[in-house]
Amino acid sequence: MTAAWKAAGLTYNRYIAVASRVVRRSLKEDKRIAAERRGESELRFAKWQNGKQGEVKNLDAANAANATEAAASS
């Protein structure tokens, strides 16, 4: 039996990001603000192909772009 997030076509990291955002948004105002600050990240990544590094991208921007594409395709 596969996990629900995998059956839905999500990666584990994307599933965790969505679940974390839902939990943060469900908190009361004072705790929500503090939790949202902790949830911000400044991570960057690059896709490697054939031994060469591709363009370095901001993780948050890439996730937002993927979410927009997913919403547009459904």
Protein backbone atom coordinates (compact mmCIF):
# COMPACT_ATOMS: atom_id res chain seq x y z
CA MET A 1 0.00 0.00 0.00
CA THR A 2 1.45 3.37 -0.98
CA ALA A 3 1.27 6.47 1.17
CA ALA A 4 -1.52 8.93 0.38
CA TRP A 5 0.94 11.72 -0.46
CA LYS A 6 2.72 9.47 -2.94
CA ALA A 7 -0.55 8.35 -4.54
CA ALA A 8 -1.49 12.04 -4.92
CA GLY A 9 1.72 12.64 -6.87
CA LEU A 10 3.52 14.69 -4.20
CA THR A 11 7.08 14.35 -3.05
CA TYR A 12 7.60 13.80 0.67
CA ASN A 13 9.17 17.25 1.07
CA ARG A 14 6.21 18.93 -0.64
CA TYR A 15 3.77 16.93 1.51
CA ILE A 16 5.56 18.06 4.68
CA ALA A 17 5.57 21.69 3.48
CA VAL A 18 1.82 21.61 2.85
CA ALA A 19 1.08 19.90 6.16
CA SER A 20 3.27 22.39 8.06
CA ARG A 21 1.55 25.35 6.41
CA VAL A 22 -1.89 23.96 7.35
CA VAL A 23 -0.85 23.48 10.98
CA ARG A 24 0.64 26.99 11.19
CA ARG A 25 -2.50 28.57 9.76
CA SER A 26 -4.71 26.75 12.28
CA LEU A 27 -2.94 28.29 15.31
CA LYS A 28 -4.21 31.29 17.25
CA GLU A 29 -2.92 34.67 16.10
CA ASP A 30 0.00 35.18 18.51
CA LYS A 31 1.39 31.66 18.12
CA ARG A 32 0.69 31.62 14.37
CA ILE A 33 2.88 34.67 13.73
CA ALA A 34 5.79 33.16 15.67
CA ALA A 35 5.38 29.79 13.89
CA GLU A 36 5.23 31.41 10.44
CA ARG A 37 8.52 33.20 11.12
CA ARG A 38 10.14 29.88 12.03
CA GLY A 39 8.75 28.34 8.84
CA GLU A 40 10.52 30.79 6.54
CA SER A 41 13.61 29.45 4.84
CA GLU A 42 16.42 30.79 2.73
CA LEU A 43 17.29 27.55 1.01
CA ARG A 44 18.63 27.37 -2.51
CA PHE A 45 19.11 24.37 -4.76
CA ALA A 46 20.50 23.46 -8.15
CA LYS A 47 19.62 20.53 -10.38
CA TRP A 48 22.61 18.60 -11.69
CA GLN A 49 22.56 16.90 -15.09
CA ASN A 50 25.43 15.10 -16.81
CA GLY A 51 27.86 16.22 -14.11
CA LYS A 52 27.08 19.92 -14.54
CA GLN A 53 25.32 22.21 -12.11
CA GLY A 54 22.20 23.92 -13.38
CA GLU A 55 20.75 27.26 -12.37
CA VAL A 56 20.67 27.97 -8.62
CA LYS A 57 17.09 28.69 -7.50
CA ASN A 58 15.43 29.84 -4.29
CA LEU A 59 13.44 26.95 -2.78
CA ASP A 60 10.47 29.08 -1.69
CA ALA A 61 10.17 30.68 -5.13
CA ALA A 62 10.38 27.29 -6.84
CA ASN A 63 7.70 25.84 -4.54
CA ALA A 64 5.42 28.79 -5.22
CA ALA A 65 5.90 28.40 -8.97
CA ASN A 66 5.14 24.68 -8.77
CA ALA A 67 1.99 25.34 -6.73
CA THR A 68 0.83 27.90 -9.29
CA GLU A 69 1.46 25.46 -12.16
CA ALA A 70 -0.38 22.67 -10.31
CA ALA A 71 -3.37 24.92 -9.63
CA ALA A 72 -3.49 26.05 -13.26
CA SER A 73 -3.37 22.48 -14.60
CA SER A 74 -6.21 21.22 -12.41
